[in-house]
Amino acid sequence: DRSVLYKSLNPNLLAVVTESTDMHHERTFIVMYLIDSVTGRIIHSSVQRKAKGPVHIIHSENWVLYQYWNTKSRRNELTVLELFEGMEQYNTTAFSSLDRPQVPHVLQQSYIF
């Protein structure tokens, strides 16, 4: 299989994390939002239950990596999000947030360390 997934490169993409204010460790959670800063559209959201900050984020090209504390397992965890346009590249010459017919495919994987 020689199929290709093309990177979804959005220079207007913001990664925003919100955290619950509940102090009980069973009800804590964080939410990662990927937001297009031009349109205000939420491209992707991801909830990590039984998790709390501090949250550290790295965002580059078509991927976002964030690290947080898992309160149930008492360990640090890492989650990686990768954004792809799919099997066909939409527009190779110019990017516009206002002219995007579909949201990107998001692949997500979590790791412990």
N, C-alpha and C. Protein backbone atom coordinates (compact mmCIF):
# COMPACT_ATOMS: atom_id res chain seq x y z
N ASP A 1 0.85 -1.19 0.00
CA ASP A 1 0.00 0.00 0.00
C ASP A 1 0.89 1.24 0.00
N ARG A 2 0.82 2.03 -1.02
CA ARG A 2 1.64 3.23 -1.14
C ARG A 2 0.82 4.50 -0.96
N SER A 3 -0.28 4.39 -0.23
CA SER A 3 -1.13 5.57 -0.03
C SER A 3 -0.43 6.58 0.88
N VAL A 4 -0.78 7.84 0.70
CA VAL A 4 -0.14 8.94 1.40
C VAL A 4 -1.20 9.74 2.14
N LEU A 5 -0.89 10.15 3.36
CA LEU A 5 -1.72 11.11 4.08
C LEU A 5 -1.00 12.44 4.03
N TYR A 6 -1.66 13.46 3.48
CA TYR A 6 -1.03 14.78 3.37
C TYR A 6 -1.21 15.56 4.67
N LYS A 7 -0.16 16.25 5.09
CA LYS A 7 -0.21 17.07 6.29
C LYS A 7 -1.24 18.17 6.14
N SER A 8 -1.95 18.45 7.21
CA SER A 8 -2.84 19.60 7.25
C SER A 8 -2.07 20.74 7.90
N LEU A 9 -1.61 21.68 7.09
CA LEU A 9 -0.80 22.79 7.59
C LEU A 9 -1.66 24.05 7.67
N ASN A 10 -2.05 24.42 8.87
CA ASN A 10 -2.87 25.60 9.11
C ASN A 10 -2.06 26.59 9.95
N PRO A 11 -1.58 27.69 9.36
CA PRO A 11 -0.78 28.65 10.13
C PRO A 11 -1.62 29.44 11.14
N ASN A 12 -2.94 29.30 11.09
CA ASN A 12 -3.84 30.02 12.00
C ASN A 12 -4.35 29.15 13.13
N LEU A 13 -3.76 27.99 13.33
CA LEU A 13 -4.25 27.04 14.32
C LEU A 13 -3.71 27.36 15.72
N LEU A 14 -4.62 27.42 16.68
CA LEU A 14 -4.26 27.63 18.09
C LEU A 14 -4.54 26.36 18.88
N ALA A 15 -3.68 26.04 19.83
CA ALA A 15 -3.90 24.94 20.75
C ALA A 15 -4.20 25.55 22.12
N VAL A 16 -5.39 25.25 22.66
CA VAL A 16 -5.83 25.83 23.94
C VAL A 16 -6.23 24.70 24.87
N VAL A 17 -5.76 24.76 26.12
CA VAL A 17 -6.12 23.76 27.12
C VAL A 17 -6.93 24.41 28.22
N THR A 18 -8.03 23.76 28.61
CA THR A 18 -8.80 24.19 29.78
C THR A 18 -8.74 23.07 30.81
N GLU A 19 -8.85 23.45 32.08
CA GLU A 19 -8.76 22.49 33.17
C GLU A 19 -9.93 22.66 34.11
N SER A 20 -10.48 21.55 34.62
CA SER A 20 -11.58 21.63 35.57
C SER A 20 -11.09 22.22 36.89
N THR A 21 -12.01 22.81 37.63
CA THR A 21 -11.64 23.41 38.92
C THR A 21 -12.00 22.52 40.09
N ASP A 22 -12.54 21.35 39.83
CA ASP A 22 -12.91 20.41 40.90
C ASP A 22 -11.65 19.88 41.58
N MET A 23 -11.62 19.87 42.89
CA MET A 23 -10.42 19.44 43.61
C MET A 23 -10.37 17.92 43.84
N HIS A 24 -11.49 17.21 43.67
CA HIS A 24 -11.51 15.76 43.86
C HIS A 24 -10.83 15.09 42.66
N HIS A 25 -9.88 14.19 42.92
CA HIS A 25 -9.06 13.61 41.86
C HIS A 25 -9.86 12.74 40.89
N GLU A 26 -11.03 12.23 41.27
CA GLU A 26 -11.83 11.41 40.37
C GLU A 26 -12.61 12.24 39.36
N ARG A 27 -12.77 13.54 39.64
CA ARG A 27 -13.58 14.39 38.75
C ARG A 27 -12.77 15.44 38.01
N THR A 28 -11.46 15.37 38.07
CA THR A 28 -10.64 16.34 37.36
C THR A 28 -10.51 15.93 35.89
N PHE A 29 -10.40 16.91 35.03
CA PHE A 29 -10.19 16.65 33.62
C PHE A 29 -9.59 17.88 32.95
N ILE A 30 -8.97 17.63 31.80
CA ILE A 30 -8.49 18.72 30.96
C ILE A 30 -9.08 18.52 29.56
N VAL A 31 -9.24 19.61 28.85
CA VAL A 31 -9.75 19.56 27.48
C VAL A 31 -8.79 20.32 26.57
N MET A 32 -8.38 19.69 25.49
CA MET A 32 -7.53 20.31 24.49
C MET A 32 -8.40 20.73 23.31
N TYR A 33 -8.33 21.99 22.94
CA TYR A 33 -9.06 22.51 21.79
C TYR A 33 -8.06 22.94 20.72
N LEU A 34 -8.32 22.58 19.48
CA LEU A 34 -7.59 23.11 18.35
C LEU A 34 -8.55 24.04 17.63
N ILE A 35 -8.21 25.33 17.59
CA ILE A 35 -9.11 26.37 17.10
C ILE A 35 -8.46 27.12 15.95
N ASP A 36 -9.24 27.34 14.90
CA ASP A 36 -8.79 28.19 13.80
C ASP A 36 -8.98 29.63 14.25
N SER A 37 -7.90 30.40 14.36
CA SER A 37 -7.97 31.75 14.92
C SER A 37 -8.62 32.76 13.97
N VAL A 38 -8.78 32.43 12.70
CA VAL A 38 -9.43 33.34 11.77
C VAL A 38 -10.94 33.19 11.82
N THR A 39 -11.42 31.95 11.77
CA THR A 39 -12.86 31.71 11.74
C THR A 39 -13.45 31.48 13.13
N GLY A 40 -12.62 31.12 14.11
CA GLY A 40 -13.11 30.79 15.44
C GLY A 40 -13.67 29.38 15.52
N ARG A 41 -13.54 28.63 14.47
CA ARG A 41 -14.07 27.27 14.40
C ARG A 41 -13.20 26.30 15.21
N ILE A 42 -13.85 25.45 15.99
CA ILE A 42 -13.13 24.41 16.72
C ILE A 42 -12.86 23.27 15.74
N ILE A 43 -11.60 23.04 15.46
CA ILE A 43 -11.19 21.99 14.52
C ILE A 43 -11.25 20.62 15.18
N HIS A 44 -10.85 20.57 16.46
CA HIS A 44 -10.83 19.30 17.19
C HIS A 44 -10.85 19.59 18.69
N SER A 45 -11.49 18.72 19.46
CA SER A 45 -11.41 18.81 20.92
C SER A 45 -11.20 17.40 21.47
N SER A 46 -10.46 17.35 22.56
CA SER A 46 -10.10 16.07 23.16
C SER A 46 -10.15 16.20 24.68
N VAL A 47 -10.83 15.28 25.36
CA VAL A 47 -10.97 15.31 26.81
C VAL A 47 -10.09 14.22 27.42
N GLN A 48 -9.32 14.60 28.43
CA GLN A 48 -8.53 13.64 29.20
C GLN A 48 -9.12 13.62 30.62
N ARG A 49 -9.77 12.56 30.98
CA ARG A 49 -10.40 12.43 32.30
C ARG A 49 -9.35 12.04 33.34
N LYS A 50 -9.64 12.38 34.59
CA LYS A 50 -8.73 12.10 35.71
C LYS A 50 -7.34 12.65 35.42
N ALA A 51 -7.31 13.88 34.93
CA ALA A 51 -6.06 14.54 34.57
C ALA A 51 -6.09 15.97 35.07
N LYS A 52 -4.90 16.49 35.38
CA LYS A 52 -4.79 17.88 35.78
C LYS A 52 -3.42 18.43 35.37
N GLY A 53 -3.28 19.73 35.49
CA GLY A 53 -2.04 20.41 35.12
C GLY A 53 -1.00 20.26 36.19
N PRO A 54 0.14 20.83 35.93
CA PRO A 54 0.42 21.73 34.81
C PRO A 54 0.47 20.98 33.49
N VAL A 55 -0.02 21.66 32.45
CA VAL A 55 -0.03 21.10 31.10
C VAL A 55 1.02 21.83 30.27
N HIS A 56 1.86 21.07 29.61
CA HIS A 56 2.90 21.63 28.75
C HIS A 56 2.55 21.26 27.31
N ILE A 57 2.59 22.26 26.40
CA ILE A 57 2.17 22.06 25.02
C ILE A 57 3.31 22.41 24.06
N ILE A 58 3.45 21.58 23.03
CA ILE A 58 4.33 21.90 21.91
C ILE A 58 3.47 21.77 20.66
N HIS A 59 3.47 22.81 19.82
CA HIS A 59 2.68 22.82 18.59
C HIS A 59 3.60 23.18 17.43
N SER A 60 3.67 22.31 16.45
CA SER A 60 4.53 22.55 15.29
C SER A 60 3.91 21.89 14.06
N GLU A 61 3.96 22.58 12.94
CA GLU A 61 3.45 22.08 11.66
C GLU A 61 2.07 21.46 11.80
N ASN A 62 1.97 20.14 11.68
CA ASN A 62 0.67 19.48 11.73
C ASN A 62 0.48 18.62 12.99
N TRP A 63 1.26 18.87 14.03
CA TRP A 63 1.13 18.06 15.24
C TRP A 63 1.14 18.92 16.50
N VAL A 64 0.48 18.38 17.52
CA VAL A 64 0.44 19.01 18.85
C VAL A 64 0.75 17.91 19.86
N LEU A 65 1.65 18.21 20.78
CA LEU A 65 2.01 17.29 21.85
C LEU A 65 1.72 18.00 23.16
N TYR A 66 1.05 17.33 24.09
CA TYR A 66 0.84 17.93 25.40
C TYR A 66 1.02 16.90 26.51
N GLN A 67 1.58 17.36 27.61
CA GLN A 67 1.91 16.52 28.75
C GLN A 67 1.09 16.99 29.94
N TYR A 68 0.59 16.06 30.74
CA TYR A 68 -0.26 16.37 31.89
C TYR A 68 -0.07 15.29 32.95
N TRP A 69 -0.68 15.50 34.12
CA TRP A 69 -0.60 14.56 35.24
C TRP A 69 -1.88 13.74 35.31
N ASN A 70 -1.76 12.41 35.31
CA ASN A 70 -2.90 11.51 35.48
C ASN A 70 -3.09 11.29 36.98
N THR A 71 -4.22 11.76 37.53
CA THR A 71 -4.44 11.70 38.97
C THR A 71 -4.77 10.29 39.46
N LYS A 72 -5.36 9.46 38.61
CA LYS A 72 -5.70 8.10 39.02
C LYS A 72 -4.45 7.23 39.10
N SER A 73 -3.63 7.26 38.06
CA SER A 73 -2.43 6.42 38.00
C SER A 73 -1.21 7.08 38.63
N ARG A 74 -1.32 8.37 38.95
CA ARG A 74 -0.21 9.14 39.56
C ARG A 74 1.05 9.07 38.70
N ARG A 75 0.89 9.51 37.46
CA ARG A 75 2.02 9.51 36.54
C ARG A 75 1.81 10.60 35.49
N ASN A 76 2.90 10.94 34.84
CA ASN A 76 2.83 11.87 33.71
C ASN A 76 2.41 11.11 32.47
N GLU A 77 1.60 11.75 31.64
CA GLU A 77 1.19 11.17 30.37
C GLU A 77 1.38 12.19 29.27
N LEU A 78 1.61 11.68 28.09
CA LEU A 78 1.83 12.49 26.90
C LEU A 78 0.79 12.11 25.86
N THR A 79 0.17 13.08 25.23
CA THR A 79 -0.76 12.82 24.13
C THR A 79 -0.29 13.58 22.91
N VAL A 80 -0.33 12.91 21.77
CA VAL A 80 0.09 13.51 20.50
C VAL A 80 -1.12 13.52 19.57
N LEU A 81 -1.36 14.68 18.96
CA LEU A 81 -2.39 14.83 17.93
C LEU A 81 -1.69 15.16 16.61
N GLU A 82 -2.06 14.46 15.55
CA GLU A 82 -1.52 14.75 14.22
C GLU A 82 -2.69 15.04 13.29
N LEU A 83 -2.57 16.10 12.49
CA LEU A 83 -3.64 16.52 11.60
C LEU A 83 -3.25 16.26 10.14
N PHE A 84 -4.17 15.61 9.41
CA PHE A 84 -3.93 15.28 8.02
C PHE A 84 -5.13 15.71 7.17
N GLU A 85 -4.84 16.12 5.93
CA GLU A 85 -5.90 16.49 5.00
C GLU A 85 -6.60 15.26 4.44
N GLY A 86 -5.91 14.16 4.37
CA GLY A 86 -6.46 12.94 3.80
C GLY A 86 -5.60 12.44 2.66
N MET A 87 -6.22 11.69 1.77
CA MET A 87 -5.49 11.08 0.64
C MET A 87 -5.22 12.08 -0.47
N GLU A 88 -5.97 13.18 -0.52
CA GLU A 88 -5.77 14.18 -1.56
C GLU A 88 -5.46 15.53 -0.93
N GLN A 89 -4.52 16.23 -1.53
CA GLN A 89 -4.14 17.54 -1.03
C GLN A 89 -5.11 18.58 -1.58
N TYR A 90 -5.66 19.44 -0.68
CA TYR A 90 -6.71 20.38 -1.09
C TYR A 90 -6.19 21.50 -1.98
N ASN A 91 -5.24 22.30 -1.48
CA ASN A 91 -4.72 23.42 -2.25
C ASN A 91 -3.24 23.57 -1.92
N THR A 92 -2.41 23.39 -2.89
CA THR A 92 -0.97 23.42 -2.64
C THR A 92 -0.36 24.80 -2.80
N THR A 93 -1.08 25.75 -3.40
CA THR A 93 -0.48 27.06 -3.68
C THR A 93 -0.73 28.09 -2.59
N ALA A 94 -1.92 28.11 -2.02
CA ALA A 94 -2.24 29.13 -1.01
C ALA A 94 -3.18 28.56 0.04
N PHE A 95 -3.07 29.07 1.27
CA PHE A 95 -3.93 28.59 2.35
C PHE A 95 -4.92 29.69 2.73
N SER A 96 -6.17 29.30 2.95
CA SER A 96 -7.19 30.21 3.43
C SER A 96 -8.08 29.48 4.42
N SER A 97 -8.23 30.03 5.62
CA SER A 97 -9.11 29.43 6.63
C SER A 97 -10.56 29.53 6.21
N LEU A 98 -10.88 30.50 5.36
CA LEU A 98 -12.27 30.71 4.93
C LEU A 98 -12.68 29.77 3.81
N ASP A 99 -11.74 29.10 3.20
CA ASP A 99 -12.01 28.24 2.05
C ASP A 99 -11.59 26.80 2.34
N ARG A 100 -12.01 26.25 3.45
CA ARG A 100 -11.67 24.87 3.80
C ARG A 100 -12.95 24.04 3.79
N PRO A 101 -13.11 23.13 2.84
CA PRO A 101 -14.36 22.38 2.72
C PRO A 101 -14.57 21.33 3.81
N GLN A 102 -13.50 20.85 4.42
CA GLN A 102 -13.66 19.80 5.42
C GLN A 102 -12.63 19.96 6.53
N VAL A 103 -12.95 19.43 7.70
CA VAL A 103 -12.01 19.47 8.81
C VAL A 103 -10.97 18.37 8.59
N PRO A 104 -9.76 18.57 9.13
CA PRO A 104 -8.71 17.56 8.92
C PRO A 104 -8.99 16.28 9.70
N HIS A 105 -8.39 15.20 9.25
CA HIS A 105 -8.42 13.93 9.99
C HIS A 105 -7.42 14.08 11.13
N VAL A 106 -7.82 13.69 12.33
CA VAL A 106 -6.95 13.81 13.50
C VAL A 106 -6.63 12.42 14.01
N LEU A 107 -5.34 12.13 14.13
CA LEU A 107 -4.88 10.89 14.74
C LEU A 107 -4.36 11.23 16.12
N GLN A 108 -4.75 10.45 17.12
CA GLN A 108 -4.38 10.74 18.51
C GLN A 108 -3.82 9.49 19.16
N GLN A 109 -2.73 9.67 19.91
CA GLN A 109 -2.11 8.56 20.64
C GLN A 109 -1.58 9.09 21.96
N SER A 110 -1.77 8.33 23.04
CA SER A 110 -1.26 8.72 24.35
C SER A 110 -0.19 7.74 24.81
N TYR A 111 0.75 8.27 25.59
CA TYR A 111 1.88 7.48 26.08
C TYR A 111 2.07 7.77 27.56
N ILE A 112 2.65 6.82 28.28
CA ILE A 112 3.00 7.04 29.68
C ILE A 112 4.52 7.11 29.81
N PHE A 113 4.98 7.82 30.82
CA PHE A 113 6.42 7.85 31.10
C PHE A 113 6.66 8.18 32.54
